[in-house]
Amino acid sequence: MQELMSDDGEHVIFRVAVRLDRTGNGSDDLKWVDWDHGFVTDKIPRDVRWKDASAGIPNESFRPFTAIGECWQTTGIHGTFVRDEAVALANILAEAVPDFEYRVDRVEISQKRTTEVKVERMNRVVKCPNNPRHRRFMTTAHITEVWIVDERGEYIEALEGDKEVTHGPDPGNNWTCYECNEQATIVD
């Protein structure tokens, strides 16, 4: 799955996919991608997609597939929980942009998150002495990573993505303003 769901749970969603020429040279090497892709959306007539384009209000058939749709709000994935809405959109797209082939995919998704490391939030505030609008600072956090080593334990390389925060930023650290490089102060 390309996105991470907003909430844990199990859902069945329906997504509209379009079949595109992967190579761009008219070959038979085709792949299916989400319909909301520039290849398709750039060709949809404005009056088909938008009820009011200047206000960003989509027509009803497109609404469930936007960020204000229930599926996005629940899962963080563009799609719909209603099969007939996906079929209706696929038919609208096939009529408006007949250059492509469309299908409706049924996707079963499940997610359960567990906390690996909890980083405690500081009860104090860091301030830049030069400018109170500076809100980004440099400080130390402790992160472990998995290394590939030789037979003597000498570093060769770190494995991509295998990192864990063991200690987040601490009020006792040195804090430097990222904007102006001035030593920051901690305020209780």
N, C-alpha and C. Protein backbone atom coordinates (compact mmCIF):
# COMPACT_ATOMS: atom_id res chain seq x y z
N MET A 1 0.85 -1.17 0.00
CA MET A 1 0.00 0.00 0.00
C MET A 1 0.89 1.23 0.00
N GLN A 2 0.54 2.21 -0.80
CA GLN A 2 1.40 3.37 -0.93
C GLN A 2 1.17 4.41 0.16
N GLU A 3 -0.02 4.46 0.76
CA GLU A 3 -0.27 5.42 1.81
C GLU A 3 -0.42 4.70 3.14
N LEU A 4 -0.26 5.43 4.24
CA LEU A 4 -0.49 4.89 5.57
C LEU A 4 -1.84 5.42 6.03
N MET A 5 -2.72 4.54 6.45
CA MET A 5 -4.06 4.95 6.86
C MET A 5 -4.02 5.91 8.04
N SER A 6 -5.00 6.80 8.07
CA SER A 6 -5.10 7.76 9.17
C SER A 6 -5.42 7.07 10.49
N ASP A 7 -6.31 6.08 10.44
CA ASP A 7 -6.73 5.39 11.66
C ASP A 7 -6.55 3.89 11.48
N ASP A 8 -6.36 3.19 12.60
CA ASP A 8 -6.29 1.73 12.55
C ASP A 8 -7.67 1.18 12.24
N GLY A 9 -7.70 -0.02 11.67
CA GLY A 9 -8.96 -0.68 11.40
C GLY A 9 -8.91 -1.47 10.11
N GLU A 10 -10.07 -2.04 9.77
CA GLU A 10 -10.20 -2.79 8.53
C GLU A 10 -11.27 -2.14 7.68
N HIS A 11 -10.99 -2.00 6.39
CA HIS A 11 -11.92 -1.35 5.47
C HIS A 11 -11.87 -2.03 4.12
N VAL A 12 -12.98 -1.94 3.40
CA VAL A 12 -13.02 -2.31 1.99
C VAL A 12 -13.28 -1.03 1.24
N ILE A 13 -12.36 -0.69 0.35
CA ILE A 13 -12.54 0.53 -0.44
C ILE A 13 -12.52 0.18 -1.92
N PHE A 14 -13.05 1.08 -2.71
CA PHE A 14 -13.08 0.93 -4.16
C PHE A 14 -12.35 2.11 -4.77
N ARG A 15 -11.41 1.80 -5.66
CA ARG A 15 -10.61 2.82 -6.32
C ARG A 15 -10.77 2.67 -7.83
N VAL A 16 -10.76 3.79 -8.53
CA VAL A 16 -10.83 3.76 -9.98
C VAL A 16 -9.40 3.82 -10.51
N ALA A 17 -9.08 2.88 -11.39
CA ALA A 17 -7.74 2.81 -11.96
C ALA A 17 -7.83 3.04 -13.47
N VAL A 18 -6.74 3.56 -14.02
CA VAL A 18 -6.64 3.80 -15.46
C VAL A 18 -5.41 3.06 -15.96
N ARG A 19 -5.50 2.53 -17.16
CA ARG A 19 -4.39 1.78 -17.73
C ARG A 19 -3.59 2.70 -18.63
N LEU A 20 -2.31 2.85 -18.29
CA LEU A 20 -1.43 3.76 -19.03
C LEU A 20 -0.30 3.01 -19.69
N ASP A 21 0.19 3.57 -20.78
CA ASP A 21 1.38 3.06 -21.45
C ASP A 21 2.57 3.47 -20.60
N ARG A 22 3.25 2.52 -20.00
CA ARG A 22 4.36 2.79 -19.08
C ARG A 22 5.56 3.40 -19.80
N THR A 23 5.78 3.05 -21.05
CA THR A 23 6.98 3.48 -21.75
C THR A 23 6.80 4.79 -22.48
N GLY A 24 5.53 5.15 -22.77
CA GLY A 24 5.28 6.39 -23.50
C GLY A 24 5.49 6.26 -24.99
N ASN A 25 5.74 5.05 -25.49
CA ASN A 25 5.98 4.90 -26.92
C ASN A 25 4.95 4.00 -27.60
N GLY A 26 3.79 3.82 -26.98
CA GLY A 26 2.73 3.05 -27.59
C GLY A 26 2.91 1.54 -27.50
N SER A 27 3.80 1.06 -26.65
CA SER A 27 4.03 -0.37 -26.54
C SER A 27 2.91 -1.04 -25.75
N ASP A 28 2.97 -2.36 -25.66
CA ASP A 28 1.99 -3.11 -24.89
C ASP A 28 2.35 -3.19 -23.41
N ASP A 29 3.44 -2.54 -22.99
CA ASP A 29 3.88 -2.56 -21.59
C ASP A 29 3.03 -1.55 -20.82
N LEU A 30 1.86 -2.01 -20.35
CA LEU A 30 0.90 -1.12 -19.70
C LEU A 30 0.85 -1.38 -18.21
N LYS A 31 0.49 -0.34 -17.45
CA LYS A 31 0.31 -0.52 -16.01
C LYS A 31 -0.93 0.24 -15.57
N TRP A 32 -1.51 -0.20 -14.47
CA TRP A 32 -2.70 0.43 -13.91
C TRP A 32 -2.27 1.38 -12.80
N VAL A 33 -2.79 2.61 -12.83
CA VAL A 33 -2.51 3.61 -11.81
C VAL A 33 -3.81 4.25 -11.37
N ASP A 34 -3.77 4.98 -10.26
CA ASP A 34 -4.94 5.70 -9.77
C ASP A 34 -5.41 6.69 -10.83
N TRP A 35 -6.71 6.84 -11.01
CA TRP A 35 -7.26 7.72 -12.05
C TRP A 35 -6.86 9.17 -11.88
N ASP A 36 -6.63 9.60 -10.64
CA ASP A 36 -6.35 11.01 -10.36
C ASP A 36 -4.89 11.30 -10.68
N HIS A 37 -4.55 11.15 -11.92
CA HIS A 37 -3.19 11.24 -12.43
C HIS A 37 -3.22 12.29 -13.53
N GLY A 38 -2.19 13.06 -13.68
CA GLY A 38 -2.16 14.12 -14.69
C GLY A 38 -2.51 13.67 -16.09
N PHE A 39 -2.18 12.40 -16.43
CA PHE A 39 -2.50 11.90 -17.77
C PHE A 39 -4.00 11.96 -18.03
N VAL A 40 -4.81 11.74 -16.99
CA VAL A 40 -6.26 11.71 -17.14
C VAL A 40 -6.86 13.05 -16.75
N THR A 41 -6.50 13.57 -15.58
CA THR A 41 -7.16 14.77 -15.06
C THR A 41 -6.96 15.97 -15.97
N ASP A 42 -5.83 16.06 -16.66
CA ASP A 42 -5.59 17.18 -17.57
C ASP A 42 -6.53 17.15 -18.77
N LYS A 43 -7.12 15.98 -19.05
CA LYS A 43 -7.99 15.84 -20.21
C LYS A 43 -9.47 15.89 -19.87
N ILE A 44 -9.81 15.89 -18.58
CA ILE A 44 -11.23 15.94 -18.18
C ILE A 44 -11.74 17.36 -18.39
N PRO A 45 -12.84 17.53 -19.14
CA PRO A 45 -13.41 18.88 -19.30
C PRO A 45 -13.77 19.47 -17.95
N ARG A 46 -13.49 20.75 -17.78
CA ARG A 46 -13.71 21.41 -16.48
C ARG A 46 -15.14 21.25 -15.99
N ASP A 47 -16.12 21.37 -16.90
CA ASP A 47 -17.52 21.29 -16.47
C ASP A 47 -17.92 19.87 -16.06
N VAL A 48 -17.15 18.88 -16.47
CA VAL A 48 -17.41 17.49 -16.06
C VAL A 48 -16.90 17.27 -14.64
N ARG A 49 -15.71 17.78 -14.35
CA ARG A 49 -15.09 17.53 -13.04
C ARG A 49 -15.55 18.51 -11.96
N TRP A 50 -15.75 19.77 -12.33
CA TRP A 50 -15.97 20.80 -11.31
C TRP A 50 -17.37 21.39 -11.37
N LYS A 51 -17.99 21.51 -10.21
CA LYS A 51 -19.25 22.25 -10.08
C LYS A 51 -18.91 23.73 -10.10
N ASP A 52 -17.84 24.10 -9.36
CA ASP A 52 -17.32 25.47 -9.35
C ASP A 52 -15.80 25.36 -9.21
N ALA A 53 -15.10 25.41 -10.35
CA ALA A 53 -13.64 25.22 -10.35
C ALA A 53 -12.93 26.32 -9.56
N SER A 54 -13.41 27.56 -9.66
CA SER A 54 -12.72 28.66 -8.98
C SER A 54 -12.79 28.50 -7.46
N ALA A 55 -13.84 27.86 -6.96
CA ALA A 55 -13.97 27.64 -5.52
C ALA A 55 -13.48 26.26 -5.11
N GLY A 56 -13.05 25.45 -6.09
CA GLY A 56 -12.56 24.11 -5.78
C GLY A 56 -13.65 23.14 -5.36
N ILE A 57 -14.87 23.35 -5.87
CA ILE A 57 -15.99 22.47 -5.52
C ILE A 57 -16.19 21.46 -6.65
N PRO A 58 -15.96 20.17 -6.36
CA PRO A 58 -16.09 19.15 -7.40
C PRO A 58 -17.55 18.78 -7.66
N ASN A 59 -17.84 18.24 -8.84
CA ASN A 59 -19.15 17.68 -9.11
C ASN A 59 -19.37 16.49 -8.19
N GLU A 60 -20.63 16.15 -7.95
CA GLU A 60 -20.97 15.10 -6.97
C GLU A 60 -20.28 13.77 -7.23
N SER A 61 -20.11 13.36 -8.48
CA SER A 61 -19.48 12.07 -8.78
C SER A 61 -18.02 12.03 -8.38
N PHE A 62 -17.37 13.19 -8.35
CA PHE A 62 -15.95 13.26 -8.01
C PHE A 62 -15.73 13.49 -6.52
N ARG A 63 -16.70 14.03 -5.83
CA ARG A 63 -16.58 14.44 -4.44
C ARG A 63 -16.06 13.33 -3.51
N PRO A 64 -16.61 12.08 -3.59
CA PRO A 64 -16.13 11.05 -2.66
C PRO A 64 -14.63 10.74 -2.81
N PHE A 65 -14.05 11.07 -3.95
CA PHE A 65 -12.66 10.72 -4.22
C PHE A 65 -11.69 11.84 -3.87
N THR A 66 -12.19 12.91 -3.27
CA THR A 66 -11.34 14.04 -2.91
C THR A 66 -10.96 13.95 -1.43
N ALA A 67 -10.19 14.90 -0.97
CA ALA A 67 -9.75 14.92 0.43
C ALA A 67 -10.91 15.19 1.39
N ILE A 68 -12.04 15.67 0.88
CA ILE A 68 -13.20 15.87 1.77
C ILE A 68 -14.11 14.65 1.79
N GLY A 69 -13.80 13.64 0.99
CA GLY A 69 -14.59 12.42 0.96
C GLY A 69 -14.40 11.58 2.22
N GLU A 70 -15.40 10.77 2.53
CA GLU A 70 -15.36 9.95 3.75
C GLU A 70 -14.19 8.96 3.76
N CYS A 71 -13.89 8.37 2.60
CA CYS A 71 -12.81 7.40 2.54
C CYS A 71 -11.47 8.05 2.90
N TRP A 72 -11.21 9.22 2.32
CA TRP A 72 -9.96 9.92 2.63
C TRP A 72 -9.93 10.33 4.10
N GLN A 73 -11.04 10.84 4.59
CA GLN A 73 -11.09 11.29 5.98
C GLN A 73 -10.89 10.14 6.96
N THR A 74 -11.32 8.94 6.60
CA THR A 74 -11.20 7.78 7.48
C THR A 74 -9.86 7.06 7.33
N THR A 75 -9.41 6.91 6.08
CA THR A 75 -8.23 6.08 5.82
C THR A 75 -7.01 6.83 5.31
N GLY A 76 -7.21 8.05 4.80
CA GLY A 76 -6.10 8.77 4.18
C GLY A 76 -5.82 8.26 2.77
N ILE A 77 -6.78 7.53 2.18
CA ILE A 77 -6.63 6.98 0.84
C ILE A 77 -7.77 7.50 -0.03
N HIS A 78 -7.43 7.97 -1.24
CA HIS A 78 -8.47 8.42 -2.17
C HIS A 78 -9.21 7.22 -2.71
N GLY A 79 -10.50 7.19 -2.50
CA GLY A 79 -11.34 6.10 -2.95
C GLY A 79 -12.73 6.31 -2.38
N THR A 80 -13.52 5.25 -2.33
CA THR A 80 -14.86 5.33 -1.76
C THR A 80 -15.18 3.99 -1.10
N PHE A 81 -16.09 4.02 -0.13
CA PHE A 81 -16.55 2.79 0.49
C PHE A 81 -17.73 2.20 -0.29
N VAL A 82 -18.24 2.93 -1.28
CA VAL A 82 -19.43 2.53 -2.02
C VAL A 82 -19.04 2.14 -3.45
N ARG A 83 -19.24 0.87 -3.78
CA ARG A 83 -18.86 0.35 -5.09
C ARG A 83 -19.52 1.12 -6.22
N ASP A 84 -20.82 1.40 -6.10
CA ASP A 84 -21.55 2.07 -7.17
C ASP A 84 -21.00 3.47 -7.47
N GLU A 85 -20.46 4.15 -6.45
CA GLU A 85 -19.85 5.46 -6.69
C GLU A 85 -18.61 5.32 -7.56
N ALA A 86 -17.82 4.27 -7.31
CA ALA A 86 -16.62 4.04 -8.12
C ALA A 86 -16.98 3.66 -9.55
N VAL A 87 -18.00 2.82 -9.71
CA VAL A 87 -18.44 2.43 -11.05
C VAL A 87 -18.95 3.66 -11.81
N ALA A 88 -19.73 4.51 -11.14
CA ALA A 88 -20.25 5.71 -11.78
C ALA A 88 -19.12 6.62 -12.24
N LEU A 89 -18.10 6.80 -11.39
CA LEU A 89 -16.97 7.65 -11.77
C LEU A 89 -16.20 7.04 -12.94
N ALA A 90 -15.99 5.73 -12.91
CA ALA A 90 -15.27 5.08 -14.02
C ALA A 90 -16.02 5.28 -15.33
N ASN A 91 -17.34 5.20 -15.31
CA ASN A 91 -18.13 5.42 -16.52
C ASN A 91 -18.06 6.87 -17.00
N ILE A 92 -18.07 7.82 -16.06
CA ILE A 92 -17.93 9.24 -16.43
C ILE A 92 -16.57 9.47 -17.08
N LEU A 93 -15.53 8.91 -16.48
CA LEU A 93 -14.18 9.08 -17.03
C LEU A 93 -14.06 8.44 -18.41
N ALA A 94 -14.64 7.25 -18.57
CA ALA A 94 -14.56 6.56 -19.86
C ALA A 94 -15.24 7.36 -20.97
N GLU A 95 -16.30 8.06 -20.61
CA GLU A 95 -17.00 8.89 -21.60
C GLU A 95 -16.26 10.21 -21.85
N ALA A 96 -15.75 10.83 -20.77
CA ALA A 96 -15.09 12.14 -20.90
C ALA A 96 -13.69 12.02 -21.50
N VAL A 97 -12.97 10.95 -21.17
CA VAL A 97 -11.60 10.76 -21.65
C VAL A 97 -11.49 9.32 -22.18
N PRO A 98 -11.98 9.07 -23.39
CA PRO A 98 -12.02 7.71 -23.92
C PRO A 98 -10.66 7.16 -24.38
N ASP A 99 -9.59 7.96 -24.24
CA ASP A 99 -8.26 7.51 -24.67
C ASP A 99 -7.72 6.35 -23.84
N PHE A 100 -8.29 6.12 -22.65
CA PHE A 100 -7.75 5.14 -21.73
C PHE A 100 -8.78 4.07 -21.38
N GLU A 101 -8.29 3.00 -20.78
CA GLU A 101 -9.13 1.92 -20.27
C GLU A 101 -9.23 2.12 -18.75
N TYR A 102 -10.42 1.88 -18.19
CA TYR A 102 -10.66 2.11 -16.77
C TYR A 102 -11.16 0.82 -16.11
N ARG A 103 -10.93 0.72 -14.80
CA ARG A 103 -11.49 -0.39 -14.04
C ARG A 103 -11.71 0.08 -12.60
N VAL A 104 -12.51 -0.67 -11.87
CA VAL A 104 -12.73 -0.41 -10.44
C VAL A 104 -12.04 -1.54 -9.68
N ASP A 105 -11.16 -1.16 -8.76
CA ASP A 105 -10.47 -2.13 -7.92
C ASP A 105 -11.09 -2.15 -6.54
N ARG A 106 -11.35 -3.35 -6.04
CA ARG A 106 -11.80 -3.54 -4.66
C ARG A 106 -10.54 -3.81 -3.84
N VAL A 107 -10.31 -3.00 -2.81
CA VAL A 107 -9.09 -3.12 -2.01
C VAL A 107 -9.49 -3.33 -0.55
N GLU A 108 -8.99 -4.42 0.03
CA GLU A 108 -9.20 -4.68 1.45
C GLU A 108 -7.95 -4.23 2.19
N ILE A 109 -8.14 -3.34 3.16
CA ILE A 109 -7.00 -2.82 3.89
C ILE A 109 -7.18 -3.04 5.38
N SER A 110 -6.08 -3.27 6.05
CA SER A 110 -6.09 -3.50 7.48
C SER A 110 -4.82 -2.89 8.06
N GLN A 111 -4.95 -2.24 9.17
CA GLN A 111 -3.78 -1.64 9.80
C GLN A 111 -3.95 -1.66 11.30
N LYS A 112 -2.87 -2.01 11.98
CA LYS A 112 -2.82 -1.90 13.44
C LYS A 112 -1.44 -1.37 13.80
N ARG A 113 -1.41 -0.21 14.39
CA ARG A 113 -0.14 0.39 14.81
C ARG A 113 0.16 0.04 16.25
N THR A 114 1.43 -0.11 16.55
CA THR A 114 1.87 -0.27 17.93
C THR A 114 3.01 0.71 18.16
N THR A 115 3.12 1.19 19.37
CA THR A 115 4.16 2.15 19.70
C THR A 115 5.45 1.41 20.01
N GLU A 116 6.51 1.76 19.30
CA GLU A 116 7.82 1.17 19.53
C GLU A 116 8.62 2.01 20.52
N VAL A 117 8.62 3.32 20.33
CA VAL A 117 9.37 4.23 21.20
C VAL A 117 8.49 5.45 21.43
N LYS A 118 8.35 5.82 22.67
CA LYS A 118 7.58 7.01 22.98
C LYS A 118 8.55 8.12 23.34
N VAL A 119 8.47 9.23 22.63
CA VAL A 119 9.32 10.38 22.91
C VAL A 119 8.49 11.37 23.72
N GLU A 120 8.93 11.63 24.92
CA GLU A 120 8.20 12.53 25.81
C GLU A 120 8.33 13.96 25.32
N ARG A 121 7.25 14.68 25.36
CA ARG A 121 7.28 16.08 24.97
C ARG A 121 7.79 16.92 26.13
N MET A 122 8.60 17.90 25.80
CA MET A 122 9.15 18.76 26.85
C MET A 122 8.06 19.66 27.41
N ASN A 123 8.14 19.91 28.71
CA ASN A 123 7.21 20.84 29.35
C ASN A 123 7.74 22.27 29.27
N ARG A 124 8.89 22.43 28.68
CA ARG A 124 9.51 23.76 28.57
C ARG A 124 9.45 24.21 27.12
N VAL A 125 9.69 25.49 26.91
CA VAL A 125 9.68 26.07 25.57
C VAL A 125 11.07 26.63 25.27
N VAL A 126 11.51 26.42 24.04
CA VAL A 126 12.80 26.96 23.60
C VAL A 126 12.54 28.26 22.85
N LYS A 127 13.34 29.29 23.15
CA LYS A 127 13.16 30.60 22.51
C LYS A 127 14.47 31.08 21.91
N CYS A 128 14.35 31.75 20.78
CA CYS A 128 15.51 32.40 20.17
C CYS A 128 15.65 33.79 20.80
N PRO A 129 16.84 34.17 21.28
CA PRO A 129 17.01 35.48 21.91
C PRO A 129 16.97 36.62 20.89
N ASN A 130 17.18 36.33 19.61
CA ASN A 130 17.20 37.37 18.58
C ASN A 130 15.83 37.66 17.98
N ASN A 131 14.98 36.62 17.87
CA ASN A 131 13.71 36.81 17.19
C ASN A 131 12.71 35.78 17.71
N PRO A 132 11.62 36.23 18.35
CA PRO A 132 10.65 35.28 18.91
C PRO A 132 9.90 34.49 17.83
N ARG A 133 9.96 34.94 16.58
CA ARG A 133 9.29 34.20 15.49
C ARG A 133 10.13 33.04 14.98
N HIS A 134 11.38 32.95 15.40
CA HIS A 134 12.20 31.80 15.01
C HIS A 134 11.75 30.61 15.87
N ARG A 135 11.25 29.57 15.24
CA ARG A 135 10.67 28.44 15.97
C ARG A 135 11.30 27.09 15.61
N ARG A 136 12.44 27.11 14.90
CA ARG A 136 13.14 25.88 14.56
C ARG A 136 14.53 25.92 15.18
N PHE A 137 14.91 24.81 15.83
CA PHE A 137 16.16 24.76 16.57
C PHE A 137 16.93 23.49 16.25
N MET A 138 18.23 23.53 16.46
CA MET A 138 19.09 22.35 16.31
C MET A 138 19.47 21.88 17.69
N THR A 139 19.33 20.60 17.94
CA THR A 139 19.72 19.98 19.20
C THR A 139 20.00 18.50 18.93
N THR A 140 20.30 17.77 19.97
CA THR A 140 20.69 16.37 19.80
C THR A 140 19.55 15.43 20.18
N ALA A 141 19.39 14.40 19.36
CA ALA A 141 18.52 13.27 19.69
C ALA A 141 19.38 12.02 19.50
N HIS A 142 19.09 10.98 20.22
CA HIS A 142 19.87 9.75 20.11
C HIS A 142 19.10 8.73 19.27
N ILE A 143 19.73 8.29 18.20
CA ILE A 143 19.11 7.36 17.26
C ILE A 143 20.05 6.18 17.06
N THR A 144 19.50 4.98 17.14
CA THR A 144 20.31 3.80 16.85
C THR A 144 20.01 3.37 15.42
N GLU A 145 21.00 2.74 14.79
CA GLU A 145 20.80 2.21 13.45
C GLU A 145 21.53 0.89 13.32
N VAL A 146 21.10 0.09 12.38
CA VAL A 146 21.73 -1.21 12.15
C VAL A 146 22.84 -1.03 11.13
N TRP A 147 24.02 -1.53 11.48
CA TRP A 147 25.19 -1.41 10.61
C TRP A 147 25.56 -2.76 10.00
N ILE A 148 26.17 -2.70 8.87
CA ILE A 148 26.89 -3.83 8.31
C ILE A 148 28.35 -3.58 8.68
N VAL A 149 28.97 -4.59 9.29
CA VAL A 149 30.36 -4.45 9.75
C VAL A 149 31.20 -5.61 9.21
N ASP A 150 32.51 -5.45 9.27
CA ASP A 150 33.40 -6.55 8.86
C ASP A 150 33.66 -7.45 10.07
N GLU A 151 34.54 -8.44 9.90
CA GLU A 151 34.80 -9.42 10.95
C GLU A 151 35.42 -8.80 12.20
N ARG A 152 35.98 -7.57 12.13
CA ARG A 152 36.55 -6.89 13.30
C ARG A 152 35.57 -5.88 13.91
N GLY A 153 34.35 -5.83 13.37
CA GLY A 153 33.36 -4.88 13.87
C GLY A 153 33.53 -3.49 13.30
N GLU A 154 34.34 -3.32 12.25
CA GLU A 154 34.54 -2.01 11.63
C GLU A 154 33.35 -1.68 10.72
N TYR A 155 32.92 -0.46 10.81
CA TYR A 155 31.77 0.01 10.04
C TYR A 155 32.00 -0.13 8.53
N ILE A 156 30.97 -0.66 7.83
CA ILE A 156 30.98 -0.70 6.37
C ILE A 156 29.88 0.22 5.84
N GLU A 157 28.64 -0.01 6.30
CA GLU A 157 27.54 0.87 5.91
C GLU A 157 26.37 0.67 6.86
N ALA A 158 25.45 1.64 6.86
CA ALA A 158 24.23 1.55 7.67
C ALA A 158 23.10 1.08 6.76
N LEU A 159 22.23 0.24 7.32
CA LEU A 159 21.08 -0.22 6.56
C LEU A 159 20.03 0.89 6.51
N GLU A 160 19.53 1.14 5.35
CA GLU A 160 18.51 2.17 5.12
C GLU A 160 17.24 1.85 5.89
N GLY A 161 16.73 2.80 6.64
CA GLY A 161 15.45 2.66 7.29
C GLY A 161 15.46 1.95 8.63
N ASP A 162 16.52 1.28 9.00
CA ASP A 162 16.55 0.55 10.27
C ASP A 162 17.09 1.46 11.38
N LYS A 163 16.27 2.46 11.75
CA LYS A 163 16.68 3.41 12.78
C LYS A 163 15.61 3.47 13.85
N GLU A 164 16.04 3.77 15.06
CA GLU A 164 15.13 3.86 16.18
C GLU A 164 15.54 5.01 17.08
N VAL A 165 14.58 5.85 17.48
CA VAL A 165 14.86 6.94 18.41
C VAL A 165 14.91 6.34 19.81
N THR A 166 16.05 6.49 20.48
CA THR A 166 16.16 5.98 21.85
C THR A 166 15.96 7.10 22.87
N HIS A 167 16.36 8.31 22.54
CA HIS A 167 16.15 9.48 23.41
C HIS A 167 15.90 10.69 22.52
N GLY A 168 14.76 11.34 22.74
CA GLY A 168 14.45 12.56 21.99
C GLY A 168 15.20 13.75 22.56
N PRO A 169 14.97 14.94 22.02
CA PRO A 169 15.64 16.14 22.52
C PRO A 169 15.36 16.35 24.01
N ASP A 170 16.38 16.81 24.70
CA ASP A 170 16.32 16.99 26.15
C ASP A 170 16.55 18.46 26.47
N PRO A 171 15.85 19.01 27.48
CA PRO A 171 16.07 20.42 27.85
C PRO A 171 17.51 20.70 28.27
N GLY A 172 18.24 19.70 28.73
CA GLY A 172 19.62 19.89 29.15
C GLY A 172 20.60 19.97 27.97
N ASN A 173 20.14 19.69 26.77
CA ASN A 173 21.00 19.77 25.58
C ASN A 173 21.34 21.21 25.25
N ASN A 174 22.31 21.40 24.40
CA ASN A 174 22.53 22.71 23.79
C ASN A 174 21.50 22.86 22.67
N TRP A 175 20.88 24.04 22.61
CA TRP A 175 19.88 24.34 21.58
C TRP A 175 20.36 25.56 20.82
N THR A 176 20.38 25.46 19.49
CA THR A 176 20.82 26.56 18.64
C THR A 176 19.70 26.90 17.66
N CYS A 177 19.45 28.19 17.50
CA CYS A 177 18.41 28.62 16.56
C CYS A 177 18.84 28.22 15.14
N TYR A 178 17.98 27.54 14.44
CA TYR A 178 18.27 27.10 13.08
C TYR A 178 18.32 28.28 12.11
N GLU A 179 17.57 29.35 12.42
CA GLU A 179 17.46 30.50 11.52
C GLU A 179 18.69 31.43 11.61
N CYS A 180 19.15 31.71 12.86
CA CYS A 180 20.22 32.69 13.01
C CYS A 180 21.47 32.15 13.70
N ASN A 181 21.44 30.88 14.08
CA ASN A 181 22.59 30.21 14.68
C ASN A 181 22.96 30.74 16.06
N GLU A 182 22.04 31.40 16.74
CA GLU A 182 22.26 31.94 18.08
C GLU A 182 21.92 30.87 19.12
N GLN A 183 22.66 30.85 20.23
CA GLN A 183 22.36 29.93 21.33
C GLN A 183 20.99 30.26 21.89
N ALA A 184 20.08 29.27 21.90
CA ALA A 184 18.71 29.48 22.35
C ALA A 184 18.63 29.35 23.87
N THR A 185 17.50 29.81 24.41
CA THR A 185 17.28 29.71 25.85
C THR A 185 16.06 28.82 26.11
N ILE A 186 16.06 28.15 27.27
CA ILE A 186 14.95 27.31 27.67
C ILE A 186 14.13 28.10 28.68
N VAL A 187 12.81 28.14 28.45
CA VAL A 187 11.91 28.88 29.34
C VAL A 187 10.96 27.87 29.97
N ASP A 188 10.85 27.92 31.32
CA ASP A 188 9.91 27.00 32.02
C ASP A 188 8.49 27.47 31.85
